[in-house]
Structure formats: structure tokens, C-alpha cells
Protein backbone atom coordinates (compact mmCIF):
# COMPACT_ATOMS: atom_id res chain seq x y z
CA UNK A 1 0.00 0.00 0.00
CA UNK A 2 1.37 3.44 -0.86
CA UNK A 3 3.25 4.97 2.05
CA UNK A 4 2.34 8.63 2.51
CA UNK A 5 4.26 9.52 5.65
CA UNK A 6 5.42 8.32 9.02
CA UNK A 7 3.66 10.20 11.81
CA UNK A 8 5.69 10.61 14.98
CA UNK A 9 3.66 10.19 18.15
CA UNK A 10 5.36 11.30 21.34
CA UNK A 11 4.02 9.20 24.22
CA UNK A 12 4.98 10.62 27.61
CA UNK A 13 4.47 8.04 30.29
CA UNK A 14 4.44 10.56 33.10
CA UNK A 15 1.23 12.22 31.85
CA UNK A 16 -1.29 9.79 33.31
CA UNK A 17 -5.06 9.75 33.03
CA UNK A 18 -6.87 9.34 36.34
CA UNK A 19 -8.65 6.04 36.89
CA UNK A 20 -6.72 4.02 34.30
CA UNK A 21 -5.82 0.64 35.77
CA UNK A 22 -3.37 -0.13 32.97
CA UNK A 23 -1.42 3.13 33.13
CA UNK A 24 2.09 2.98 34.58
CA UNK A 25 4.53 5.57 35.83
CA UNK A 26 7.82 6.08 34.07
CA UNK A 27 10.18 8.93 33.35
CA UNK A 28 11.30 7.94 29.87
CA UNK A 29 9.25 9.00 26.83
CA UNK A 30 8.07 6.35 24.40
CA UNK A 31 7.81 7.23 20.72
CA UNK A 32 5.12 5.37 18.83
CA UNK A 33 5.45 5.69 15.05
CA UNK A 34 2.34 4.65 13.10
CA UNK A 35 2.78 4.17 9.37
CA UNK A 36 0.12 6.06 7.44
CA UNK A 37 -1.10 4.15 4.37
CA UNK A 38 -3.10 5.92 1.68
CA UNK A 39 -4.85 4.89 -1.56
CA UNK A 40 -2.49 3.92 -4.37
CA UNK A 41 -2.86 6.22 -7.39
CA UNK A 42 -6.51 6.83 -6.54
CA UNK A 43 -7.19 10.57 -6.39
CA UNK A 44 -10.93 10.12 -5.84
CA UNK A 45 -10.37 8.34 -2.50
CA UNK A 46 -7.23 10.17 -1.36
CA UNK A 47 -7.75 12.34 1.70
CA UNK A 48 -5.42 15.16 0.59
CA UNK A 49 -5.58 18.04 0.71
CA UNK A 50 -7.25 18.57 4.06
CA UNK A 51 -7.19 21.74 6.16
CA UNK A 52 -6.83 20.05 9.51
CA UNK A 53 -6.06 16.63 10.97
CA UNK A 54 -7.24 15.44 14.39
CA UNK A 55 -5.37 12.63 16.14
CA UNK A 56 -6.87 10.91 19.15
CA UNK A 57 -5.95 7.93 21.29
CA UNK A 58 -8.57 5.93 23.17
CA UNK A 59 -9.24 2.52 24.60
CA UNK A 60 -10.80 0.17 22.05
CA UNK A 61 -14.63 0.39 22.04
CA UNK A 62 -14.53 3.47 24.28
CA UNK A 63 -16.08 6.82 23.33
CA UNK A 64 -13.77 8.61 25.78
CA UNK A 65 -10.64 10.07 24.19
CA UNK A 66 -7.53 9.90 26.35
CA UNK A 67 -5.59 12.39 24.25
CA UNK A 68 -6.63 14.66 21.38
CA UNK A 69 -4.43 16.89 19.25
CA UNK A 70 -5.21 18.87 16.09
CA UNK A 71 -2.78 19.88 13.36
CA UNK A 72 -2.90 22.30 10.45
CA UNK A 73 -1.89 21.07 7.02
CA UNK A 74 1.85 20.45 6.93
CA UNK A 75 2.45 20.38 10.68
CA UNK A 76 4.40 17.52 12.23
CA UNK A 77 2.14 15.02 13.96
CA UNK A 78 3.14 14.58 17.60
CA UNK A 79 0.73 13.66 20.37
CA UNK A 80 2.11 13.99 23.91
CA UNK A 81 0.62 12.67 27.13
CA UNK A 82 -0.61 9.21 26.09
CA UNK A 83 -0.74 6.64 28.92
CA UNK A 84 0.41 3.07 28.68
CA UNK A 85 -2.26 0.53 27.78
CA UNK A 86 -2.73 -2.86 26.14
CA UNK A 87 -5.95 -2.01 24.25
CA UNK A 88 -5.24 1.37 22.67
CA UNK A 89 -6.55 2.57 19.32
CA UNK A 90 -5.24 5.54 17.35
CA UNK A 91 -7.84 7.52 15.38
CA UNK A 92 -7.12 10.00 12.58
CA UNK A 93 -9.71 12.36 11.08
CA UNK A 94 -9.27 14.83 8.24
CA UNK A 95 -11.31 18.03 7.93
CA UNK A 96 -12.03 20.46 5.14
CA UNK A 97 -13.49 23.44 6.92
CA UNK A 98 -15.91 21.97 9.46
CA UNK A 99 -16.60 18.84 7.41
CA UNK A 100 -15.08 15.51 8.47
CA UNK A 101 -14.17 14.04 5.08
CA UNK A 102 -11.61 11.34 5.91
CA UNK A 103 -10.98 8.83 8.65
CA UNK A 104 -8.63 6.04 9.65
CA UNK A 105 -7.79 4.05 12.74
CA UNK A 106 -5.34 1.41 13.81
CA UNK A 107 -6.18 -2.03 15.03
CA UNK A 108 -5.71 -2.47 18.78
CA UNK A 109 -2.13 -1.88 19.93
CA UNK A 110 -0.24 -2.14 23.21
CA UNK A 111 2.10 0.53 24.59
CA UNK A 112 4.19 -0.48 27.59
CA UNK A 113 7.46 0.61 29.23
CA UNK A 114 8.99 -2.85 28.76
CA UNK A 115 8.51 -3.35 25.04
CA UNK A 116 9.67 -1.73 21.83
CA UNK A 117 7.27 0.98 20.65
CA UNK A 118 4.71 -0.37 18.15
CA UNK A 119 4.59 0.89 14.57
CA UNK A 120 1.02 0.01 13.51
CA UNK A 121 -0.31 0.75 10.04
CA UNK A 122 -3.22 3.17 9.71
CA UNK A 123 -5.18 3.35 6.43
CA UNK A 124 -6.32 6.94 5.84
CA UNK A 125 -8.71 7.81 3.02
CA UNK A 126 -11.95 9.57 2.22
CA UNK A 127 -14.91 8.07 4.02
CA UNK A 128 -17.44 5.87 2.13
CA UNK A 129 -15.00 5.37 -0.74
CA UNK A 130 -13.43 2.36 -2.44
CA UNK A 131 -9.69 2.86 -2.78
CA UNK A 132 -7.13 1.06 -4.91
CA UNK A 133 -4.20 -0.46 -3.03
CA UNK A 134 -0.88 -1.92 -4.11
CA UNK A 135 -1.77 -5.24 -2.45
CA UNK A 136 -2.10 -7.89 -5.18
CA UNK A 137 -3.35 -11.25 -3.89
CA UNK A 138 -3.81 -14.12 -6.33
CA UNK A 139 -6.84 -13.44 -8.52
CA UNK A 140 -9.24 -15.95 -6.96
CA UNK A 141 -12.73 -16.41 -8.35
CA UNK A 142 -15.11 -18.50 -6.26
CA UNK A 143 -12.56 -18.76 -3.46
CA UNK A 144 -12.99 -18.27 0.26
CA UNK A 145 -12.35 -15.03 2.08
CA UNK A 146 -12.16 -15.42 5.84
CA UNK A 147 -12.09 -12.72 8.51
CA UNK A 148 -9.73 -14.27 11.03
CA UNK A 149 -8.83 -12.47 14.28
CA UNK A 150 -8.94 -9.12 12.52
CA UNK A 151 -6.88 -10.18 9.52
CA UNK A 152 -7.93 -11.60 6.13
CA UNK A 153 -7.26 -15.14 4.90
CA UNK A 154 -7.69 -16.11 1.24
CA UNK A 155 -8.16 -19.80 0.36
CA UNK A 156 -9.05 -21.85 -2.74
CA UNK A 157 -10.71 -20.47 -5.87
CA UNK A 158 -9.78 -20.48 -9.55
CA UNK A 159 -7.19 -18.16 -11.10
CA UNK A 160 -8.94 -16.77 -14.20
CA UNK A 161 -5.83 -14.78 -15.12
CA UNK A 162 -3.80 -17.97 -15.79
CA UNK A 163 -4.05 -20.33 -18.74
CA UNK A 164 -6.56 -23.08 -18.06
CA UNK A 165 -7.89 -21.27 -14.95
CA UNK A 166 -6.05 -23.51 -12.47
CA UNK A 167 -7.20 -24.00 -8.90
CA UNK A 168 -5.30 -21.88 -6.40
CA UNK A 169 -3.46 -23.81 -3.70
CA UNK A 170 -1.63 -21.18 -1.67
CA UNK A 171 -3.21 -19.56 1.39
CA UNK A 172 -2.59 -15.83 1.71
CA UNK A 173 -2.96 -13.59 4.75
CA UNK A 174 -3.28 -9.82 4.90
CA UNK A 175 -2.55 -8.23 8.27
CA UNK A 176 -3.84 -4.63 8.54
CA UNK A 177 -1.64 -4.03 11.59
CA UNK A 178 1.53 -4.54 9.56
CA UNK A 179 0.20 -3.86 6.07
CA UNK A 180 1.77 -7.09 4.79
CA UNK A 181 0.43 -9.80 2.50
CA UNK A 182 2.09 -13.15 3.21
CA UNK A 183 1.71 -16.77 2.13
CA UNK A 184 1.03 -19.21 4.98
CA UNK A 185 1.32 -22.42 2.97
CA UNK A 186 -0.57 -24.59 0.50
CA UNK A 187 -3.83 -26.52 0.58
CA UNK A 188 -5.04 -29.26 -1.76
CA UNK A 189 -6.43 -27.99 -5.10
CA UNK A 190 -10.21 -28.10 -4.86
CA UNK A 191 -13.29 -26.13 -5.85
CA UNK A 192 -16.57 -25.42 -4.08
CA UNK A 193 -15.35 -25.74 -0.50
CA UNK A 194 -16.96 -23.95 2.45
CA UNK A 195 -15.42 -22.72 5.68
CA UNK A 196 -16.27 -22.08 9.33
CA UNK A 197 -14.42 -21.23 12.52
CA UNK A 198 -13.87 -24.28 14.72
CA UNK A 199 -12.78 -24.34 18.37
CA UNK A 200 -12.22 -21.44 20.74
CA UNK A 201 -9.43 -19.43 22.39
CA UNK A 202 -8.45 -18.96 19.63
CA UNK A 203 -10.52 -20.65 16.95
CA UNK A 204 -9.06 -22.04 13.74
CA UNK A 205 -10.58 -22.23 10.25
CA UNK A 206 -11.99 -25.50 8.92
CA UNK A 207 -12.13 -25.76 5.12
CA UNK A 208 -14.69 -28.41 4.18
CA UNK A 209 -16.12 -30.14 1.11
CA UNK A 210 -15.83 -29.32 -2.57
CA UNK A 211 -14.36 -31.31 -5.41
CA UNK A 212 -10.84 -32.71 -5.59
CA UNK A 213 -10.09 -33.81 -9.12
CA UNK A 214 -13.18 -35.65 -10.38
CA UNK A 215 -14.31 -36.73 -6.92
CA UNK A 216 -15.41 -35.10 -3.70
CA UNK A 217 -12.76 -33.88 -1.25
CA UNK A 218 -12.54 -36.69 1.31
CA UNK A 219 -10.70 -34.60 3.87
CA UNK A 220 -10.88 -31.40 5.84
CA UNK A 221 -8.10 -28.86 6.21
CA UNK A 222 -7.78 -26.76 9.37
CA UNK A 223 -5.66 -23.65 9.29
CA UNK A 224 -4.79 -20.45 11.10
CA UNK A 225 -2.29 -17.65 10.54
CA UNK A 226 0.67 -20.00 11.14
CA UNK A 227 0.02 -23.48 9.78
CA UNK A 228 -2.24 -25.82 7.81
CA UNK A 229 -3.30 -29.31 9.00
CA UNK A 230 -5.10 -31.98 6.98
CA UNK A 231 -7.36 -34.75 8.25
CA UNK A 232 -9.17 -37.47 6.27
CA UNK A 233 -12.97 -37.36 6.36
CA UNK A 234 -14.93 -39.36 3.78
CA UNK A 235 -18.25 -37.89 4.93
CA UNK A 236 -17.27 -34.38 3.81
CA UNK A 237 -16.87 -35.31 0.12
CA UNK A 238 -19.81 -33.29 -1.15
CA UNK A 239 -20.79 -30.06 -2.90
CA UNK A 240 -23.34 -27.37 -2.13
CA UNK A 241 -23.10 -28.00 1.62
CA UNK A 242 -23.04 -25.43 4.43
CA UNK A 243 -20.81 -25.10 7.50
CA UNK A 244 -22.07 -23.11 10.48
CA UNK A 245 -20.04 -22.27 13.59
CA UNK A 246 -21.71 -22.64 16.98
CA UNK A 247 -20.87 -20.55 20.03
CA UNK A 248 -19.25 -23.53 21.75
CA UNK A 249 -16.70 -24.03 18.95
CA UNK A 250 -18.43 -26.87 17.12
CA UNK A 251 -19.23 -26.71 13.40
CA UNK A 252 -22.44 -28.12 11.91
CA UNK A 253 -22.14 -29.32 8.31
CA UNK A 254 -25.53 -29.58 6.64
CA UNK A 255 -26.77 -31.06 3.36
CA UNK A 256 -24.99 -30.94 0.03
CA UNK A 257 -24.46 -33.74 -2.45
CA UNK A 258 -21.68 -36.10 -3.50
CA UNK A 259 -20.61 -35.21 -7.08
CA UNK A 260 -23.18 -36.50 -9.56
CA UNK A 261 -25.61 -37.65 -6.86
CA UNK A 262 -28.79 -36.17 -5.33
CA UNK A 263 -28.61 -34.00 -2.21
CA UNK A 264 -28.38 -35.50 1.25
CA UNK A 265 -30.25 -34.71 4.45
CA UNK A 266 -27.16 -35.39 6.56
CA UNK A 267 -26.06 -33.23 9.48
CA UNK A 268 -22.48 -33.76 10.62
CA UNK A 269 -20.60 -32.28 13.57
CA UNK A 270 -16.95 -31.24 13.60
CA UNK A 271 -15.50 -30.66 17.07
CA UNK A 272 -11.98 -30.24 18.47
CA UNK A 273 -10.56 -33.43 19.98
CA UNK A 274 -7.12 -32.71 21.37
CA UNK A 275 -4.74 -32.10 18.47
CA UNK A 276 -7.25 -33.45 15.91
CA UNK A 277 -10.93 -33.01 15.09
CA UNK A 278 -13.80 -35.42 15.65
CA UNK A 279 -16.18 -35.69 12.69
CA UNK A 280 -19.38 -37.66 13.21
CA UNK A 281 -22.86 -37.86 11.75
CA UNK A 282 -25.86 -36.92 13.88
CA UNK A 283 -29.03 -38.97 13.97
CA UNK A 284 -31.05 -35.90 12.93
CA UNK A 285 -31.84 -35.83 9.19
CA UNK A 286 -33.33 -32.99 7.16
CA UNK A 287 -36.95 -33.41 6.16
CA UNK A 288 -35.95 -31.86 2.83
CA UNK A 289 -32.49 -32.91 1.60
CA UNK A 290 -30.99 -29.90 -0.12
CA UNK A 291 -27.93 -28.29 -1.70
CA UNK A 292 -26.88 -24.67 -2.35
CA UNK A 293 -28.98 -23.59 0.62
CA UNK A 294 -28.12 -21.35 3.57
CA UNK A 295 -27.70 -22.26 7.25
CA UNK A 296 -27.62 -19.23 9.57
CA UNK A 297 -27.21 -19.14 13.35
CA UNK A 298 -29.90 -17.01 15.00
CA UNK A 299 -27.70 -14.99 17.34
CA UNK A 300 -24.74 -15.50 19.66
CA UNK A 301 -26.52 -17.03 22.65
CA UNK A 302 -25.44 -20.48 23.78
CA UNK A 303 -27.62 -22.98 21.94
CA UNK A 304 -28.87 -20.45 19.38
CA UNK A 305 -30.72 -22.41 16.67
CA UNK A 306 -29.69 -22.57 13.02
CA UNK A 307 -32.16 -21.68 10.26
CA UNK A 308 -31.82 -23.84 7.13
CA UNK A 309 -33.50 -22.25 4.12
CA UNK A 310 -33.70 -22.43 0.35
CA UNK A 311 -31.56 -24.63 -1.85
CA UNK A 312 -32.37 -27.28 -4.45
CA UNK A 313 -33.97 -30.70 -4.05
CA UNK A 314 -33.13 -33.86 -6.00
CA UNK A 315 -35.17 -32.70 -8.99
CA UNK A 316 -33.41 -29.33 -9.12
CA UNK A 317 -36.42 -27.46 -7.74
CA UNK A 318 -35.92 -24.67 -5.15
CA UNK A 319 -37.15 -25.68 -1.70
CA UNK A 320 -39.55 -23.26 -0.05
CA UNK A 321 -39.90 -24.86 3.40
CA UNK A 322 -37.32 -23.87 6.02
CA UNK A 323 -36.07 -26.08 8.87
CA UNK A 324 -34.63 -25.30 12.30
CA UNK A 325 -31.69 -27.15 13.87
CA UNK A 326 -31.42 -27.02 17.69
CA UNK A 327 -27.78 -27.50 18.80
CA UNK A 328 -28.42 -28.28 22.46
CA UNK A 329 -30.58 -31.30 21.68
CA UNK A 330 -28.86 -31.98 18.32
CA UNK A 331 -32.30 -32.27 16.75
CA UNK A 332 -34.51 -30.56 14.20
CA UNK A 333 -37.72 -28.80 15.14
CA UNK A 334 -40.75 -30.91 14.29
CA UNK A 335 -42.24 -30.06 10.87
CA UNK A 336 -45.60 -30.12 12.61
CA UNK A 337 -44.66 -27.05 14.66
CA UNK A 338 -42.02 -25.36 12.48
CA UNK A 339 -42.38 -25.28 8.69
CA UNK A 340 -42.31 -21.61 7.54
CA UNK A 341 -42.26 -21.11 3.78
CA UNK A 342 -40.19 -18.66 1.82
CA UNK A 343 -42.29 -16.32 -0.27
CA UNK A 344 -39.67 -16.58 -3.01
CA UNK A 345 -37.94 -19.99 -2.98
CA UNK A 346 -34.36 -19.56 -4.12
CA UNK A 347 -30.87 -21.03 -4.18
CA UNK A 348 -27.39 -19.53 -4.36
CA UNK A 349 -28.56 -16.64 -2.17
CA UNK A 350 -27.11 -15.05 0.94
CA UNK A 351 -28.69 -15.05 4.40
CA UNK A 352 -27.34 -12.40 6.77
CA UNK A 353 -28.05 -12.05 10.49
CA UNK A 354 -29.24 -8.50 11.21
CA UNK A 355 -28.74 -6.49 14.44
CA UNK A 356 -32.26 -7.29 15.70
CA UNK A 357 -31.80 -11.06 15.30
CA UNK A 358 -33.74 -11.38 12.05
CA UNK A 359 -32.23 -12.85 8.88
CA UNK A 360 -32.19 -10.95 5.59
CA UNK A 361 -32.35 -13.02 2.38
CA UNK A 362 -30.81 -11.42 -0.70
CA UNK A 363 -30.50 -12.60 -4.30
CA UNK A 364 -30.25 -16.13 -5.60
CA UNK A 365 -31.98 -17.83 -8.52
CA UNK A 366 -35.52 -19.20 -8.89
CA UNK A 367 -37.05 -22.29 -10.49
CA UNK A 368 -36.29 -20.93 -13.96
CA UNK A 369 -32.73 -19.93 -13.01
CA UNK A 370 -33.75 -16.29 -13.14
CA UNK A 371 -32.48 -13.70 -10.62
CA UNK A 372 -34.58 -13.26 -7.48
CA UNK A 373 -34.61 -9.53 -6.74
CA UNK A 374 -37.22 -9.54 -4.01
CA UNK A 375 -35.81 -9.24 -0.48
CA UNK A 376 -37.22 -11.30 2.38
CA UNK A 377 -36.78 -10.99 6.14
CA UNK A 378 -37.18 -13.93 8.51
CA UNK A 379 -37.87 -13.86 12.23
CA UNK A 380 -39.04 -16.60 14.58
CA UNK A 381 -42.19 -14.62 15.42
CA UNK A 382 -43.23 -13.51 11.93
CA UNK A 383 -41.70 -16.13 9.64
CA UNK A 384 -40.80 -14.94 6.13
CA UNK A 385 -41.92 -11.40 5.30
CA UNK A 386 -41.67 -9.88 1.82
CA UNK A 387 -40.04 -6.46 1.93
CA UNK A 388 -40.88 -3.48 -0.24
CA UNK A 389 -37.24 -3.08 -1.23
CA UNK A 390 -35.88 -5.09 -4.14
CA UNK A 391 -32.35 -5.84 -5.27
CA UNK A 392 -31.25 -3.04 -7.64
CA UNK A 393 -30.78 -3.98 -11.29
CA UNK A 394 -27.07 -3.09 -11.29
CA UNK A 395 -26.06 -5.57 -8.58
CA UNK A 396 -25.69 -9.30 -9.12
CA UNK A 397 -28.12 -11.93 -7.85
CA UNK A 398 -25.34 -14.50 -7.42
CA UNK A 399 -21.62 -14.39 -6.62
CA UNK A 400 -22.01 -11.04 -4.83
CA UNK A 401 -20.85 -10.38 -1.27
CA UNK A 402 -22.63 -9.20 1.87
CA UNK A 403 -20.31 -7.89 4.58
CA UNK A 404 -21.41 -6.48 7.97
CA UNK A 405 -20.12 -2.96 8.65
CA UNK A 406 -19.09 -1.69 12.11
CA UNK A 407 -22.30 0.36 12.43
CA UNK A 408 -24.57 -2.67 11.88
CA UNK A 409 -25.36 -2.05 8.22
CA UNK A 410 -24.46 -4.41 5.37
CA UNK A 411 -22.15 -3.68 2.42
CA UNK A 412 -23.37 -5.35 -0.78
CA UNK A 413 -20.87 -5.56 -3.67
CA UNK A 414 -20.57 -6.82 -7.24
CA UNK A 415 -21.79 -10.16 -8.51
CA UNK A 416 -23.56 -11.08 -11.74
CA UNK A 417 -26.90 -12.57 -12.80
CA UNK A 418 -25.62 -15.83 -14.31
CA UNK A 419 -22.33 -17.71 -14.58
CA UNK A 420 -20.31 -16.10 -17.36
CA UNK A 421 -22.41 -12.93 -17.39
CA UNK A 422 -20.65 -9.57 -16.96
CA UNK A 423 -19.73 -8.63 -13.41
CA UNK A 424 -20.97 -5.44 -11.76
CA UNK A 425 -18.85 -2.78 -10.06
CA UNK A 426 -21.77 -1.38 -8.06
CA UNK A 427 -22.06 -1.37 -4.28
CA UNK A 428 -24.98 -0.70 -1.95
CA UNK A 429 -25.57 -0.21 1.76
CA UNK A 430 -28.39 -2.26 3.29
CA UNK A 431 -29.89 -0.82 6.45
CA UNK A 432 -32.58 -2.31 8.71
CA UNK A 433 -34.96 -0.02 10.59
CA UNK A 434 -35.24 -1.93 13.90
CA UNK A 435 -38.43 -0.10 14.89
CA UNK A 436 -40.48 -0.48 11.73
CA UNK A 437 -38.79 -3.58 10.37
CA UNK A 438 -38.27 -1.96 6.97
CA UNK A 439 -35.06 -2.25 4.95
CA UNK A 440 -33.34 0.42 2.88
CA UNK A 441 -30.96 -0.34 0.01
CA UNK A 442 -28.90 2.78 -0.73
CA UNK A 443 -26.14 3.26 -3.30
CA UNK A 444 -22.59 3.99 -2.20
CA UNK A 445 -19.33 4.47 -4.08
CA UNK A 446 -18.57 2.12 -7.00
CA UNK A 447 -15.77 -0.41 -6.79
CA UNK A 448 -12.71 0.33 -8.90
CA UNK A 449 -13.06 -3.03 -10.71
CA UNK A 450 -16.17 -5.08 -11.63
CA UNK A 451 -16.07 -8.31 -9.58
CA UNK A 452 -18.06 -11.54 -9.21
CA UNK A 453 -17.12 -14.51 -7.06
CA UNK A 454 -14.82 -12.19 -5.13
CA UNK A 455 -14.00 -11.90 -1.43
CA UNK A 456 -14.98 -8.97 0.84
CA UNK A 457 -13.70 -9.12 4.42
CA UNK A 458 -14.05 -6.93 7.50
CA UNK A 459 -10.66 -6.06 9.05
CA UNK A 460 -9.84 -5.12 12.62
CA UNK A 461 -9.51 -1.43 11.70
CA UNK A 462 -13.11 -1.34 10.44
CA UNK A 463 -12.30 -1.22 6.73
CA UNK A 464 -13.42 -3.83 4.19
CA UNK A 465 -10.77 -5.53 2.02
CA UNK A 466 -12.02 -6.66 -1.40
CA UNK A 467 -10.05 -9.02 -3.64
CA UNK A 468 -10.43 -11.43 -6.54
CA UNK A 469 -13.42 -12.07 -8.77
CA UNK A 470 -11.77 -10.42 -11.79
CA UNK A 471 -10.12 -12.03 -14.83
CA UNK A 472 -6.70 -10.44 -14.25
CA UNK A 473 -4.31 -9.65 -11.42
CA UNK A 474 -6.11 -6.51 -10.29
CA UNK A 475 -5.00 -5.00 -6.96
CA UNK A 476 -7.18 -5.40 -3.91
CA UNK A 477 -9.50 -2.58 -2.91
CA UNK A 478 -10.37 -1.17 0.47
CA UNK A 479 -13.73 0.33 1.42
CA UNK A 480 -13.60 2.93 4.18
CA UNK A 481 -16.93 3.05 6.09
CA UNK A 482 -18.01 6.04 8.19
CA UNK A 483 -16.39 6.40 11.64
CA UNK A 484 -19.61 5.34 13.40
CA UNK A 485 -19.13 2.04 15.20
CA UNK A 486 -15.35 2.01 14.68
CA UNK A 487 -14.25 2.95 18.20
């Protein structure tokens, strides 16, 4: 990423803030030197020129600023009087007149008297803009993008920029704290895999299913930011399946089909077992075997149920009836008491948990393989409700991304309406009115590059990193949301 400047931050340990349990007394000053990253050759998103810059330091998730300093254009950036802390965040805002036009923040950093001063990266650009970067991951289409402990992991996918569109085997990681893109290692070449976080403290990433050569992938791969492990698992050799993380660290793998065979009603559990992972089939079986469906956990409470909706049956017909998996009893709700029907049966859609606990269904294809542009909202109390808002015509119904923003809204990007159709560069913000239950779909800045089958990941600094889904080695992009929710 283009390096604009190095801002010098003078941290004087003797200037303490009353009531801080993690502040410590010392006589020596500590100099923290954040590296300010800016858009690469992207004048529309660049924050310069600005009249004034405000720099603040605060505890993560706190609205109380510990230190605030303002600087006129061209002044050296030094902020004295910052206390020690292990959960500090540096904020940077740019003003033109009284208007706040640009923002950036670091991921959480630690400043202590016994360690070398940190030099965290801070991405600074115009707010609500997509910005080009000089980060160039492998051009993955249909691959997995995984938000992992604040960083981004890229796995699998096809490289459309190479002859024969080979499957990508290397696993890449982008760390917003250091600004570096690195390769962790290699996985087996496969297509159509899914992923979910498995385990706790910290979790790892389980990559499951898909095809390996002409057969299903009879193994799972579990990875993190340091290594990749492989474990045989014949039961996972299927396509169109889902993998849903539970709050206790287990992963529920639901449905899908072995290559060339009809969909299954199987529900399998993956759970940590010492240094390996236990994979076993539950006795519960879907009433409607399905593939290319969604399986969404209804909240973060222990035992929160999983809604299974949409997808295709053995005849290739979209399934309208939803099912509910209950993790505590490892059973499905009885169809006699729970059988809500989608108003617009679909497959290949997204299902996103909203701030009020409802699930928003976007896109997908219908019985005639035509785009479904009607939005639906599901809640336990009301079932499926058709919304007035529809998917705009310049956003894809499949192979698009939905990414939660720090303020609770959803960023919707790219996609296309059919495999091989042109990709869109459009982006929209989806907002739920928690009082009225209505949904707004509002346009935001366009992406620099049209993309479909791409990856869009939330980073620990609140920005969204977008990569892949284009036929050439285009650089990654970064969307800079408003400051709201990014404390």
C-alpha cells in the first residue's frame, strides 16, 4: 500500500489519566510511530488536501478520548501525554473546513514501558470510498475469504488470469496491523469448498467439502495464521453444503451432495478433539435434503438455533420450506410445529443475520434460473416477510458479497446474474430499521473493478478488504466506512 508519511507520536508516560488501571509511571518517553497508508494512485479516494487533521488515542470500544491533538496542514504530527495501555486505538480524522471528510484508525495496539514501541499501520482515506491499493493477492474467483482475528485469509478459488484457470493452492494472509500480505502455505487444489471457525481461544478455520479432481474432497483442512493441517474425512466429500459455527466451537455441516448424486439430508458435527478433530454424523436428518442452501445461526446465545432455508432438491427445484436445527438437543424442530415457507424460494442466495436477530435473504436464482430480486426478512415470530425493497438492477443476484459494517449495516458488492455474465462494479448499503422492520438499500461508491465470485472481508480497523473475482491480477481494494461504530 502506498506509504504517505510516518507520523511521529510522542508518548509521555508521566502524563497519566486518572482512573486508568493499565497506566504505569515512568520517566522515559516512548515514541510510537504509526505508518500512514493511503490509496495507491486513486485521487478520488485520497484524503489530501485537508485543512486540519485530528489525532486521538482511546481505549478500544470506548467513546472517551484519552488524548486529542489537532494539526494544520503540513504540521508535524506529535501527540504527547498518552498513557500506557494494552488495548489502545489511534484515530485519525481529516477536515475540510468543518466537514469531516476522511478517517482512519489502527487495530488495537499495546504501549508499555517494557517493550519496543509499536509501529502500527493506519489506512487513511476519504470516508465511504473504495480505494485502490498496491496489495495484489492471487486473482481468486469463487474462493474463500475469511475474517480471522482481525486479519484476512484467502483460500481456494480459480485463477482466471492464468491459462486453463487452475485451482489456487496457496493460502494468503493480509494483516492490517503490519500492512503485509504473506503466504502461509498450501492446501489441496479443490473447488466449491466452504469454511467455518472451529474451536475457541483462539478458533481455527476448517475448510470443508468441494471437489478434488473428479471426486469429492474426502478430507478437511484446518488452518490459522501460522500453519495448515489436513485430516481425512470421507463424509465431507460433497458439494453445495453449508458449514455453520456454533458458540461452543463446534461446526455443523448440513446437506450438500456427493458429485453427480442427489442431495443428502445429513447433518455432521466437527468438534476439536485434542490435536485433531472429531467428525461424526448426527441422527437428525433434514426433512428436505438440499444443496446450495443457507444455514444461519440465529444470534450468539449459547444454543442459538440454526435456520436452514432455500436450496435445491433432488429434482433441481428450489425448496420453499425452512427447517430449524437445535444445537443443544442436536435435533430438528418438528415439521408439525415449524415449517415456515419462503415467499420466493431460491438457491445460491445469501442469508445475513441483522442487528435485531432477524435474517435478511438477498439474491439467488428461482425455479427458472432467473435472478430473485425480491428481499425477504425472517424472524421466529413472523416467519418470512416480503419487503418493499428489491435488489437493484445493477447488482448481481449470485456471486455477490454481503459484509457487515461496524455500524450494523451491510455492504453489498458486485456479482452477476448468471455464470459467465458480466460482473458489476456497483455497491450498496443495506440498512434495517429496527423499529419499523423496513429495509433500505442505498447506493454507495462504486468499486474500482467489476467483480463476481470475489471476497470482501471486515478487518480489525473497520475497513473492508475486497479481492479477486476479476479475470486479471487486479490490486485489492479497500472500502472505508463512516467512523460510526469504529471505536
